[in-house]
Amino acid sequence: MGGSDRMAWSLPYEVFISLRYLKAKRRQRSLSVITFISIAGVAVGVM
């Protein structure tokens, strides 16, 4: 197991899934931006 595996397990499950989808491939960059804006909107709405 590498260092990245250890870090992934120390994060909450929701944060791990969010980061996984935010780290989209270069061709999916626009989708990543839309995902980030959506997550930020939900976070602000919950506060």
PDB file of N, CA and C in Angstrom:
ATOM      1  N   MET A   1       0.845  -1.188   0.000  1.00  0.00           N
ATOM      2  CA  MET A   1       0.000   0.000   0.000  1.00  0.00           C
ATOM      3  C   MET A   1       0.880   1.238   0.000  1.00  0.00           C
ATOM      4  N   GLY A   2       0.562   2.174  -0.867  1.00  0.00           N
ATOM      5  CA  GLY A   2       1.322   3.409  -0.954  1.00  0.00           C
ATOM      6  C   GLY A   2       0.775   4.453  -0.003  1.00  0.00           C
ATOM      7  N   GLY A   3       1.417   5.588   0.005  1.00  0.00           N
ATOM      8  CA  GLY A   3       0.991   6.673   0.861  1.00  0.00           C
ATOM      9  C   GLY A   3      -0.375   7.215   0.484  1.00  0.00           C
ATOM     10  N   SER A   4      -0.692   7.201  -0.815  1.00  0.00           N
ATOM     11  CA  SER A   4      -1.988   7.733  -1.240  1.00  0.00           C
ATOM     12  C   SER A   4      -3.133   6.848  -0.749  1.00  0.00           C
ATOM     13  N   ASP A   5      -2.910   5.531  -0.683  1.00  0.00           N
ATOM     14  CA  ASP A   5      -3.945   4.632  -0.170  1.00  0.00           C
ATOM     15  C   ASP A   5      -4.221   4.913   1.301  1.00  0.00           C
ATOM     16  N   ARG A   6      -3.167   5.160   2.041  1.00  0.00           N
ATOM     17  CA  ARG A   6      -3.325   5.434   3.466  1.00  0.00           C
ATOM     18  C   ARG A   6      -4.089   6.741   3.672  1.00  0.00           C
ATOM     19  N   MET A   7      -3.786   7.760   2.853  1.00  0.00           N
ATOM     20  CA  MET A   7      -4.466   9.040   2.970  1.00  0.00           C
ATOM     21  C   MET A   7      -5.944   8.897   2.616  1.00  0.00           C
ATOM     22  N   ALA A   8      -6.239   8.096   1.606  1.00  0.00           N
ATOM     23  CA  ALA A   8      -7.624   7.914   1.174  1.00  0.00           C
ATOM     24  C   ALA A   8      -8.460   7.304   2.294  1.00  0.00           C
ATOM     25  N   TRP A   9      -7.901   6.406   3.046  1.00  0.00           N
ATOM     26  CA  TRP A   9      -8.668   5.759   4.115  1.00  0.00           C
ATOM     27  C   TRP A   9      -8.841   6.661   5.329  1.00  0.00           C
ATOM     28  N   SER A  10      -8.002   7.699   5.476  1.00  0.00           N
ATOM     29  CA  SER A  10      -8.146   8.580   6.619  1.00  0.00           C
ATOM     30  C   SER A  10      -9.217   9.642   6.377  1.00  0.00           C
ATOM     31  N   LEU A  11      -9.655   9.804   5.113  1.00  0.00           N
ATOM     32  CA  LEU A  11     -10.698  10.772   4.791  1.00  0.00           C
ATOM     33  C   LEU A  11     -12.079  10.152   5.003  1.00  0.00           C
ATOM     34  N   PRO A  12     -13.057  10.980   5.343  1.00  0.00           N
ATOM     35  CA  PRO A  12     -14.431  10.471   5.385  1.00  0.00           C
ATOM     36  C   PRO A  12     -14.847   9.980   4.007  1.00  0.00           C
ATOM     37  N   TYR A  13     -15.748   9.036   3.968  1.00  0.00           N
ATOM     38  CA  TYR A  13     -16.168   8.411   2.713  1.00  0.00           C
ATOM     39  C   TYR A  13     -16.695   9.435   1.707  1.00  0.00           C
ATOM     40  N   GLU A  14     -17.500  10.387   2.176  1.00  0.00           N
ATOM     41  CA  GLU A  14     -18.087  11.381   1.283  1.00  0.00           C
ATOM     42  C   GLU A  14     -17.016  12.252   0.646  1.00  0.00           C
ATOM     43  N   VAL A  15     -16.021  12.653   1.441  1.00  0.00           N
ATOM     44  CA  VAL A  15     -14.934  13.488   0.922  1.00  0.00           C
ATOM     45  C   VAL A  15     -14.112  12.699  -0.088  1.00  0.00           C
ATOM     46  N   PHE A  16     -13.870  11.430   0.193  1.00  0.00           N
ATOM     47  CA  PHE A  16     -13.111  10.584  -0.728  1.00  0.00           C
ATOM     48  C   PHE A  16     -13.813  10.480  -2.078  1.00  0.00           C
ATOM     49  N   ILE A  17     -15.124  10.250  -2.065  1.00  0.00           N
ATOM     50  CA  ILE A  17     -15.885  10.149  -3.314  1.00  0.00           C
ATOM     51  C   ILE A  17     -15.875  11.487  -4.048  1.00  0.00           C
ATOM     52  N   SER A  18     -16.037  12.586  -3.319  1.00  0.00           N
ATOM     53  CA  SER A  18     -16.023  13.910  -3.950  1.00  0.00           C
ATOM     54  C   SER A  18     -14.700  14.184  -4.632  1.00  0.00           C
ATOM     55  N   LEU A  19     -13.605  13.909  -3.946  1.00  0.00           N
ATOM     56  CA  LEU A  19     -12.284  14.149  -4.530  1.00  0.00           C
ATOM     57  C   LEU A  19     -12.040  13.254  -5.731  1.00  0.00           C
ATOM     58  N   ARG A  20     -12.561  12.057  -5.678  1.00  0.00           N
ATOM     59  CA  ARG A  20     -12.379  11.133  -6.803  1.00  0.00           C
ATOM     60  C   ARG A  20     -13.009  11.693  -8.078  1.00  0.00           C
ATOM     61  N   TYR A  21     -14.199  12.264  -7.945  1.00  0.00           N
ATOM     62  CA  TYR A  21     -14.871  12.806  -9.124  1.00  0.00           C
ATOM     63  C   TYR A  21     -14.353  14.185  -9.502  1.00  0.00           C
ATOM     64  N   LEU A  22     -13.811  14.943  -8.553  1.00  0.00           N
ATOM     65  CA  LEU A  22     -13.240  16.246  -8.885  1.00  0.00           C
ATOM     66  C   LEU A  22     -11.928  16.104  -9.648  1.00  0.00           C
ATOM     67  N   LYS A  23     -11.238  14.979  -9.453  1.00  0.00           N
ATOM     68  CA  LYS A  23      -9.980  14.740 -10.161  1.00  0.00           C
ATOM     69  C   LYS A  23     -10.271  14.076 -11.503  1.00  0.00           C
ATOM     70  N   ALA A  24     -11.056  14.737 -12.321  1.00  0.00           N
ATOM     71  CA  ALA A  24     -11.430  14.181 -13.620  1.00  0.00           C
ATOM     72  C   ALA A  24     -10.257  14.277 -14.592  1.00  0.00           C
ATOM     73  N   LYS A  25     -10.350  13.507 -15.652  1.00  0.00           N
ATOM     74  CA  LYS A  25      -9.326  13.562 -16.687  1.00  0.00           C
ATOM     75  C   LYS A  25      -9.386  14.911 -17.389  1.00  0.00           C
ATOM     76  N   ARG A  26      -8.344  15.226 -18.102  1.00  0.00           N
ATOM     77  CA  ARG A  26      -8.232  16.527 -18.753  1.00  0.00           C
ATOM     78  C   ARG A  26      -9.411  16.792 -19.691  1.00  0.00           C
ATOM     79  N   ARG A  27      -9.873  15.789 -20.422  1.00  0.00           N
ATOM     80  CA  ARG A  27     -10.973  15.997 -21.365  1.00  0.00           C
ATOM     81  C   ARG A  27     -12.304  16.207 -20.653  1.00  0.00           C
ATOM     82  N   GLN A  28     -12.372  15.888 -19.388  1.00  0.00           N
ATOM     83  CA  GLN A  28     -13.608  16.063 -18.622  1.00  0.00           C
ATOM     84  C   GLN A  28     -13.501  17.249 -17.670  1.00  0.00           C
ATOM     85  N   ARG A  29     -12.640  18.202 -17.999  1.00  0.00           N
ATOM     86  CA  ARG A  29     -12.395  19.336 -17.102  1.00  0.00           C
ATOM     87  C   ARG A  29     -13.669  20.146 -16.862  1.00  0.00           C
ATOM     88  N   SER A  30     -14.476  20.362 -17.902  1.00  0.00           N
ATOM     89  CA  SER A  30     -15.701  21.148 -17.724  1.00  0.00           C
ATOM     90  C   SER A  30     -16.667  20.437 -16.781  1.00  0.00           C
ATOM     91  N   LEU A  31     -16.727  19.125 -16.860  1.00  0.00           N
ATOM     92  CA  LEU A  31     -17.568  18.361 -15.946  1.00  0.00           C
ATOM     93  C   LEU A  31     -17.067  18.513 -14.515  1.00  0.00           C
ATOM     94  N   SER A  32     -15.760  18.556 -14.336  1.00  0.00           N
ATOM     95  CA  SER A  32     -15.180  18.726 -13.012  1.00  0.00           C
ATOM     96  C   SER A  32     -15.565  20.082 -12.426  1.00  0.00           C
ATOM     97  N   VAL A  33     -15.540  21.124 -13.234  1.00  0.00           N
ATOM     98  CA  VAL A  33     -15.914  22.461 -12.767  1.00  0.00           C
ATOM     99  C   VAL A  33     -17.387  22.485 -12.373  1.00  0.00           C
ATOM    100  N   ILE A  34     -18.229  21.886 -13.180  1.00  0.00           N
ATOM    101  CA  ILE A  34     -19.660  21.829 -12.866  1.00  0.00           C
ATOM    102  C   ILE A  34     -19.890  21.050 -11.576  1.00  0.00           C
ATOM    103  N   THR A  35     -19.166  19.956 -11.396  1.00  0.00           N
ATOM    104  CA  THR A  35     -19.282  19.162 -10.177  1.00  0.00           C
ATOM    105  C   THR A  35     -18.872  19.982  -8.962  1.00  0.00           C
ATOM    106  N   PHE A  36     -17.769  20.726  -9.076  1.00  0.00           N
ATOM    107  CA  PHE A  36     -17.290  21.550  -7.968  1.00  0.00           C
ATOM    108  C   PHE A  36     -18.317  22.619  -7.600  1.00  0.00           C
ATOM    109  N   ILE A  37     -18.884  23.274  -8.603  1.00  0.00           N
ATOM    110  CA  ILE A  37     -19.889  24.307  -8.341  1.00  0.00           C
ATOM    111  C   ILE A  37     -21.114  23.693  -7.665  1.00  0.00           C
ATOM    112  N   SER A  38     -21.522  22.521  -8.093  1.00  0.00           N
ATOM    113  CA  SER A  38     -22.678  21.845  -7.495  1.00  0.00           C
ATOM    114  C   SER A  38     -22.418  21.484  -6.040  1.00  0.00           C
ATOM    115  N   ILE A  39     -21.245  20.939  -5.767  1.00  0.00           N
ATOM    116  CA  ILE A  39     -20.898  20.559  -4.393  1.00  0.00           C
ATOM    117  C   ILE A  39     -20.828  21.794  -3.506  1.00  0.00           C
ATOM    118  N   ALA A  40     -20.251  22.880  -4.030  1.00  0.00           N
ATOM    119  CA  ALA A  40     -20.168  24.126  -3.258  1.00  0.00           C
ATOM    120  C   ALA A  40     -21.570  24.669  -2.974  1.00  0.00           C
ATOM    121  N   GLY A  41     -22.465  24.587  -3.954  1.00  0.00           N
ATOM    122  CA  GLY A  41     -23.836  25.052  -3.750  1.00  0.00           C
ATOM    123  C   GLY A  41     -24.566  24.253  -2.687  1.00  0.00           C
ATOM    124  N   VAL A  42     -24.385  22.957  -2.701  1.00  0.00           N
ATOM    125  CA  VAL A  42     -25.012  22.109  -1.678  1.00  0.00           C
ATOM    126  C   VAL A  42     -24.433  22.426  -0.304  1.00  0.00           C
ATOM    127  N   ALA A  43     -23.121  22.631  -0.234  1.00  0.00           N
ATOM    128  CA  ALA A  43     -22.480  22.944   1.049  1.00  0.00           C
ATOM    129  C   ALA A  43     -23.006  24.261   1.613  1.00  0.00           C
ATOM    130  N   VAL A  44     -23.153  25.271   0.765  1.00  0.00           N
ATOM    131  CA  VAL A  44     -23.682  26.562   1.218  1.00  0.00           C
ATOM    132  C   VAL A  44     -25.146  26.421   1.629  1.00  0.00           C
ATOM    133  N   GLY A  45     -25.907  25.636   0.887  1.00  0.00           N
ATOM    134  CA  GLY A  45     -27.315  25.434   1.214  1.00  0.00           C
ATOM    135  C   GLY A  45     -27.521  24.717   2.539  1.00  0.00           C
ATOM    136  N   VAL A  46     -26.608  23.817   2.875  1.00  0.00           N
ATOM    137  CA  VAL A  46     -26.717  23.063   4.123  1.00  0.00           C
ATOM    138  C   VAL A  46     -26.352  23.936   5.315  1.00  0.00           C
ATOM    139  N   MET A  47     -25.452  24.872   5.108  1.00  0.00           N
ATOM    140  CA  MET A  47     -25.032  25.756   6.209  1.00  0.00           C
ATOM    141  C   MET A  47     -26.177  26.624   6.568  1.00  0.00           C
TER     142      MET A  47
END
